[in-house]
Amino acid sequence: MITKETRQLSFEDMKPKRITRYRQILEIIDDREMTAREIETEMNRMGYSKYFDMNHVRPRLTELVKYHELIECEMREDYLTHKQVAVYRKTTEQEKMELENMNHVPMLD
């Protein structure tokens, strides 16, 4: 029971930080297409994060895609790891409307 309470308190403490991070990510991407590493690099350059850590952005990117604020638009080779990674961009209003209504459209098989 205590761990449940402490987890909830921790979650409540983190909420405002997540909203701030969402805003920072959306500000950085603006009208560009960027990878998580490129976003984190820019966050460091702008002073939004004190040290380089991909965990600053990756979970927030996943959430922003879930909320239809960002979309994975392509794949690109990461310059450091040489692995294929997702590239993100802001979702257009048309795409957002379509994504939000996908669950309401009956699917015919």
N, C-alpha and C. Protein backbone atom coordinates (compact mmCIF):
# COMPACT_ATOMS: atom_id res chain seq x y z
N MET A 1 0.82 -1.19 0.00
CA MET A 1 0.00 0.00 0.00
C MET A 1 0.87 1.26 0.00
N ILE A 2 1.94 1.25 0.77
CA ILE A 2 2.81 2.42 0.86
C ILE A 2 3.48 2.68 -0.50
N THR A 3 3.94 1.61 -1.16
CA THR A 3 4.60 1.82 -2.46
C THR A 3 3.64 2.40 -3.48
N LYS A 4 2.39 2.02 -3.41
CA LYS A 4 1.38 2.58 -4.31
C LYS A 4 1.25 4.09 -4.08
N GLU A 5 1.23 4.50 -2.83
CA GLU A 5 1.14 5.92 -2.49
C GLU A 5 2.38 6.68 -2.94
N THR A 6 3.56 6.11 -2.70
CA THR A 6 4.78 6.82 -3.09
C THR A 6 4.91 6.91 -4.60
N ARG A 7 4.47 5.88 -5.32
CA ARG A 7 4.48 5.95 -6.79
C ARG A 7 3.56 7.05 -7.27
N GLN A 8 2.39 7.15 -6.67
CA GLN A 8 1.43 8.19 -7.07
C GLN A 8 1.98 9.58 -6.78
N LEU A 9 2.61 9.75 -5.62
CA LEU A 9 3.21 11.05 -5.27
C LEU A 9 4.31 11.40 -6.26
N SER A 10 5.11 10.42 -6.62
CA SER A 10 6.18 10.63 -7.58
C SER A 10 5.61 11.03 -8.94
N PHE A 11 4.56 10.35 -9.35
CA PHE A 11 3.91 10.65 -10.62
C PHE A 11 3.35 12.07 -10.62
N GLU A 12 2.69 12.46 -9.54
CA GLU A 12 2.12 13.81 -9.43
C GLU A 12 3.22 14.87 -9.48
N ASP A 13 4.36 14.57 -8.89
CA ASP A 13 5.49 15.50 -8.88
C ASP A 13 6.07 15.67 -10.28
N MET A 14 6.00 14.61 -11.09
CA MET A 14 6.60 14.62 -12.41
C MET A 14 5.70 15.29 -13.46
N LYS A 15 4.40 15.35 -13.23
CA LYS A 15 3.47 15.87 -14.23
C LYS A 15 3.86 17.24 -14.80
N PRO A 16 4.12 18.24 -13.97
CA PRO A 16 4.47 19.56 -14.54
C PRO A 16 5.74 19.51 -15.38
N LYS A 17 6.69 18.65 -15.01
CA LYS A 17 7.94 18.53 -15.76
C LYS A 17 7.67 17.95 -17.14
N ARG A 18 6.73 17.00 -17.23
CA ARG A 18 6.39 16.41 -18.52
C ARG A 18 5.79 17.45 -19.45
N ILE A 19 4.88 18.26 -18.94
CA ILE A 19 4.24 19.30 -19.75
C ILE A 19 5.30 20.27 -20.28
N THR A 20 6.22 20.66 -19.42
CA THR A 20 7.32 21.55 -19.82
C THR A 20 8.15 20.90 -20.91
N ARG A 21 8.46 19.62 -20.75
CA ARG A 21 9.27 18.90 -21.73
C ARG A 21 8.51 18.79 -23.06
N TYR A 22 7.20 18.56 -23.01
CA TYR A 22 6.40 18.53 -24.24
C TYR A 22 6.55 19.84 -25.00
N ARG A 23 6.39 20.94 -24.27
CA ARG A 23 6.48 22.26 -24.91
C ARG A 23 7.85 22.50 -25.51
N GLN A 24 8.90 22.09 -24.79
CA GLN A 24 10.26 22.28 -25.29
C GLN A 24 10.48 21.48 -26.58
N ILE A 25 10.02 20.24 -26.58
CA ILE A 25 10.19 19.39 -27.77
C ILE A 25 9.44 19.98 -28.95
N LEU A 26 8.20 20.37 -28.74
CA LEU A 26 7.41 20.94 -29.83
C LEU A 26 8.01 22.25 -30.34
N GLU A 27 8.58 23.03 -29.44
CA GLU A 27 9.25 24.28 -29.84
C GLU A 27 10.48 23.97 -30.69
N ILE A 28 11.24 22.98 -30.30
CA ILE A 28 12.47 22.63 -31.01
C ILE A 28 12.16 22.06 -32.39
N ILE A 29 11.21 21.16 -32.48
CA ILE A 29 10.89 20.55 -33.77
C ILE A 29 10.33 21.60 -34.72
N ASP A 30 9.43 22.44 -34.24
CA ASP A 30 8.80 23.49 -35.02
C ASP A 30 8.33 22.94 -36.37
N ASP A 31 8.95 23.33 -37.46
CA ASP A 31 8.53 22.83 -38.78
C ASP A 31 9.59 21.92 -39.39
N ARG A 32 10.42 21.33 -38.53
CA ARG A 32 11.49 20.45 -39.02
C ARG A 32 11.14 18.99 -38.79
N GLU A 33 11.95 18.12 -39.35
CA GLU A 33 11.88 16.68 -39.11
C GLU A 33 13.17 16.32 -38.39
N MET A 34 13.04 15.71 -37.20
CA MET A 34 14.21 15.46 -36.36
C MET A 34 14.15 14.10 -35.68
N THR A 35 15.33 13.55 -35.38
CA THR A 35 15.42 12.32 -34.60
C THR A 35 15.49 12.68 -33.12
N ALA A 36 15.33 11.68 -32.27
CA ALA A 36 15.41 11.91 -30.82
C ALA A 36 16.78 12.47 -30.44
N ARG A 37 17.83 11.97 -31.04
CA ARG A 37 19.18 12.46 -30.73
C ARG A 37 19.34 13.92 -31.14
N GLU A 38 18.83 14.28 -32.29
CA GLU A 38 18.91 15.67 -32.75
C GLU A 38 18.13 16.59 -31.81
N ILE A 39 16.97 16.12 -31.33
CA ILE A 39 16.17 16.92 -30.40
C ILE A 39 16.91 17.09 -29.08
N GLU A 40 17.48 16.01 -28.54
CA GLU A 40 18.21 16.10 -27.27
C GLU A 40 19.45 16.98 -27.42
N THR A 41 20.13 16.90 -28.55
CA THR A 41 21.29 17.76 -28.80
C THR A 41 20.88 19.23 -28.77
N GLU A 42 19.76 19.53 -29.40
CA GLU A 42 19.25 20.91 -29.42
C GLU A 42 18.81 21.35 -28.02
N MET A 43 18.23 20.44 -27.25
CA MET A 43 17.81 20.76 -25.88
C MET A 43 19.03 21.15 -25.04
N ASN A 44 20.13 20.43 -25.23
CA ASN A 44 21.36 20.77 -24.52
C ASN A 44 21.89 22.13 -24.95
N ARG A 45 21.88 22.36 -26.25
CA ARG A 45 22.40 23.63 -26.78
C ARG A 45 21.59 24.81 -26.26
N MET A 46 20.28 24.63 -26.12
CA MET A 46 19.40 25.71 -25.67
C MET A 46 19.35 25.81 -24.14
N GLY A 47 19.99 24.90 -23.43
CA GLY A 47 20.01 24.95 -21.98
C GLY A 47 18.80 24.32 -21.31
N TYR A 48 17.98 23.57 -22.07
CA TYR A 48 16.82 22.92 -21.49
C TYR A 48 17.20 21.70 -20.65
N SER A 49 18.34 21.10 -20.94
CA SER A 49 18.83 20.00 -20.12
C SER A 49 20.29 20.27 -19.77
N LYS A 50 20.67 19.86 -18.57
CA LYS A 50 22.01 20.16 -18.07
C LYS A 50 23.05 19.16 -18.57
N TYR A 51 22.59 17.96 -18.94
CA TYR A 51 23.50 16.93 -19.43
C TYR A 51 22.78 16.14 -20.51
N PHE A 52 23.54 15.47 -21.36
CA PHE A 52 22.97 14.72 -22.48
C PHE A 52 22.45 13.39 -21.98
N ASP A 53 21.16 13.16 -22.15
CA ASP A 53 20.53 11.90 -21.77
C ASP A 53 19.33 11.69 -22.67
N MET A 54 19.36 10.65 -23.46
CA MET A 54 18.28 10.37 -24.40
C MET A 54 16.95 10.12 -23.69
N ASN A 55 17.01 9.75 -22.40
CA ASN A 55 15.78 9.53 -21.64
C ASN A 55 15.03 10.83 -21.35
N HIS A 56 15.64 11.97 -21.64
CA HIS A 56 14.92 13.24 -21.53
C HIS A 56 13.83 13.33 -22.59
N VAL A 57 14.10 12.76 -23.77
CA VAL A 57 13.18 12.95 -24.89
C VAL A 57 12.44 11.70 -25.33
N ARG A 58 13.05 10.55 -25.29
CA ARG A 58 12.40 9.35 -25.87
C ARG A 58 11.02 9.06 -25.29
N PRO A 59 10.86 9.02 -23.96
CA PRO A 59 9.52 8.74 -23.43
C PRO A 59 8.51 9.81 -23.82
N ARG A 60 8.96 11.07 -23.84
CA ARG A 60 8.05 12.17 -24.19
C ARG A 60 7.66 12.10 -25.67
N LEU A 61 8.57 11.67 -26.54
CA LEU A 61 8.25 11.52 -27.95
C LEU A 61 7.17 10.45 -28.14
N THR A 62 7.33 9.34 -27.43
CA THR A 62 6.33 8.27 -27.49
C THR A 62 4.96 8.80 -27.07
N GLU A 63 4.93 9.58 -26.00
CA GLU A 63 3.67 10.14 -25.52
C GLU A 63 3.08 11.15 -26.51
N LEU A 64 3.94 11.99 -27.08
CA LEU A 64 3.46 12.99 -28.04
C LEU A 64 2.91 12.32 -29.31
N VAL A 65 3.48 11.18 -29.70
CA VAL A 65 2.93 10.43 -30.83
C VAL A 65 1.57 9.86 -30.43
N LYS A 66 1.48 9.33 -29.21
CA LYS A 66 0.21 8.77 -28.72
C LYS A 66 -0.88 9.84 -28.68
N TYR A 67 -0.52 11.07 -28.31
CA TYR A 67 -1.47 12.18 -28.24
C TYR A 67 -1.69 12.87 -29.58
N HIS A 68 -1.08 12.32 -30.65
CA HIS A 68 -1.23 12.82 -32.02
C HIS A 68 -0.65 14.22 -32.22
N GLU A 69 0.32 14.60 -31.39
CA GLU A 69 0.99 15.89 -31.57
C GLU A 69 2.17 15.75 -32.53
N LEU A 70 2.79 14.57 -32.53
CA LEU A 70 3.90 14.26 -33.43
C LEU A 70 3.55 13.01 -34.22
N ILE A 71 4.26 12.85 -35.33
CA ILE A 71 4.09 11.66 -36.15
C ILE A 71 5.48 11.17 -36.56
N GLU A 72 5.64 9.86 -36.62
CA GLU A 72 6.89 9.30 -37.14
C GLU A 72 6.77 9.32 -38.65
N CYS A 73 7.61 10.10 -39.30
CA CYS A 73 7.43 10.34 -40.73
C CYS A 73 8.38 9.55 -41.62
N GLU A 74 9.49 9.10 -41.08
CA GLU A 74 10.45 8.32 -41.88
C GLU A 74 11.48 7.71 -40.95
N MET A 75 12.43 7.01 -41.56
CA MET A 75 13.56 6.46 -40.79
C MET A 75 14.84 7.05 -41.38
N ARG A 76 15.83 7.20 -40.50
CA ARG A 76 17.10 7.77 -40.92
C ARG A 76 18.21 7.07 -40.13
N GLU A 77 19.39 7.02 -40.70
CA GLU A 77 20.51 6.43 -39.98
C GLU A 77 21.03 7.42 -38.94
N ASP A 78 21.13 6.97 -37.69
CA ASP A 78 21.67 7.79 -36.62
C ASP A 78 23.17 7.97 -36.86
N TYR A 79 23.63 9.20 -36.78
CA TYR A 79 25.03 9.49 -37.08
C TYR A 79 26.00 8.90 -36.07
N LEU A 80 25.55 8.59 -34.87
CA LEU A 80 26.43 8.04 -33.85
C LEU A 80 26.40 6.51 -33.81
N THR A 81 25.20 5.94 -33.80
CA THR A 81 25.07 4.48 -33.67
C THR A 81 25.02 3.77 -35.01
N HIS A 82 24.76 4.51 -36.08
CA HIS A 82 24.61 3.96 -37.43
C HIS A 82 23.45 2.97 -37.53
N LYS A 83 22.48 3.11 -36.64
CA LYS A 83 21.24 2.31 -36.66
C LYS A 83 20.13 3.16 -37.26
N GLN A 84 19.12 2.50 -37.80
CA GLN A 84 17.95 3.21 -38.32
C GLN A 84 17.10 3.67 -37.14
N VAL A 85 16.74 4.94 -37.14
CA VAL A 85 15.92 5.51 -36.06
C VAL A 85 14.75 6.28 -36.67
N ALA A 86 13.73 6.49 -35.85
CA ALA A 86 12.55 7.24 -36.30
C ALA A 86 12.85 8.72 -36.39
N VAL A 87 12.21 9.34 -37.36
CA VAL A 87 12.27 10.79 -37.53
C VAL A 87 10.87 11.31 -37.23
N TYR A 88 10.79 12.38 -36.44
CA TYR A 88 9.51 12.93 -36.00
C TYR A 88 9.27 14.31 -36.61
N ARG A 89 8.01 14.61 -36.78
CA ARG A 89 7.59 15.95 -37.18
C ARG A 89 6.24 16.21 -36.54
N LYS A 90 5.85 17.49 -36.52
CA LYS A 90 4.54 17.84 -35.97
C LYS A 90 3.44 17.29 -36.88
N THR A 91 2.36 16.86 -36.27
CA THR A 91 1.20 16.36 -36.99
C THR A 91 0.40 17.54 -37.52
N THR A 92 -0.03 17.45 -38.76
CA THR A 92 -0.88 18.51 -39.32
C THR A 92 -2.28 18.38 -38.72
N GLU A 93 -3.06 19.42 -38.83
CA GLU A 93 -4.43 19.38 -38.31
C GLU A 93 -5.25 18.29 -38.99
N GLN A 94 -5.05 18.13 -40.28
CA GLN A 94 -5.77 17.09 -41.04
C GLN A 94 -5.38 15.70 -40.52
N GLU A 95 -4.08 15.45 -40.35
CA GLU A 95 -3.62 14.15 -39.85
C GLU A 95 -4.14 13.90 -38.44
N LYS A 96 -4.11 14.94 -37.62
CA LYS A 96 -4.59 14.82 -36.24
C LYS A 96 -6.07 14.41 -36.21
N MET A 97 -6.85 15.05 -37.05
CA MET A 97 -8.27 14.72 -37.12
C MET A 97 -8.47 13.27 -37.57
N GLU A 98 -7.73 12.86 -38.58
CA GLU A 98 -7.85 11.49 -39.08
C GLU A 98 -7.43 10.48 -38.01
N LEU A 99 -6.32 10.74 -37.33
CA LEU A 99 -5.84 9.82 -36.29
C LEU A 99 -6.81 9.72 -35.12
N GLU A 100 -7.37 10.85 -34.73
CA GLU A 100 -8.30 10.85 -33.60
C GLU A 100 -9.62 10.18 -33.94
N ASN A 101 -9.95 10.13 -35.23
CA ASN A 101 -11.22 9.52 -35.64
C ASN A 101 -11.07 8.09 -36.13
N MET A 102 -9.87 7.56 -36.16
CA MET A 102 -9.64 6.19 -36.66
C MET A 102 -10.44 5.16 -35.88
N ASN A 103 -10.61 5.35 -34.60
CA ASN A 103 -11.34 4.38 -33.78
C ASN A 103 -12.84 4.43 -34.03
N HIS A 104 -13.31 5.48 -34.67
CA HIS A 104 -14.74 5.64 -34.91
C HIS A 104 -15.17 5.14 -36.29
N VAL A 105 -14.18 4.81 -37.12
CA VAL A 105 -14.49 4.37 -38.48
C VAL A 105 -14.61 2.85 -38.47
N PRO A 106 -15.74 2.30 -38.89
CA PRO A 106 -15.86 0.85 -38.91
C PRO A 106 -14.95 0.26 -39.97
N MET A 107 -14.28 -0.82 -39.64
CA MET A 107 -13.36 -1.48 -40.57
C MET A 107 -14.06 -2.67 -41.23
N LEU A 108 -13.98 -2.73 -42.53
CA LEU A 108 -14.54 -3.84 -43.28
C LEU A 108 -13.41 -4.77 -43.69
N ASP A 109 -13.58 -6.03 -43.42
CA ASP A 109 -12.55 -7.01 -43.79
C ASP A 109 -12.87 -7.69 -45.08
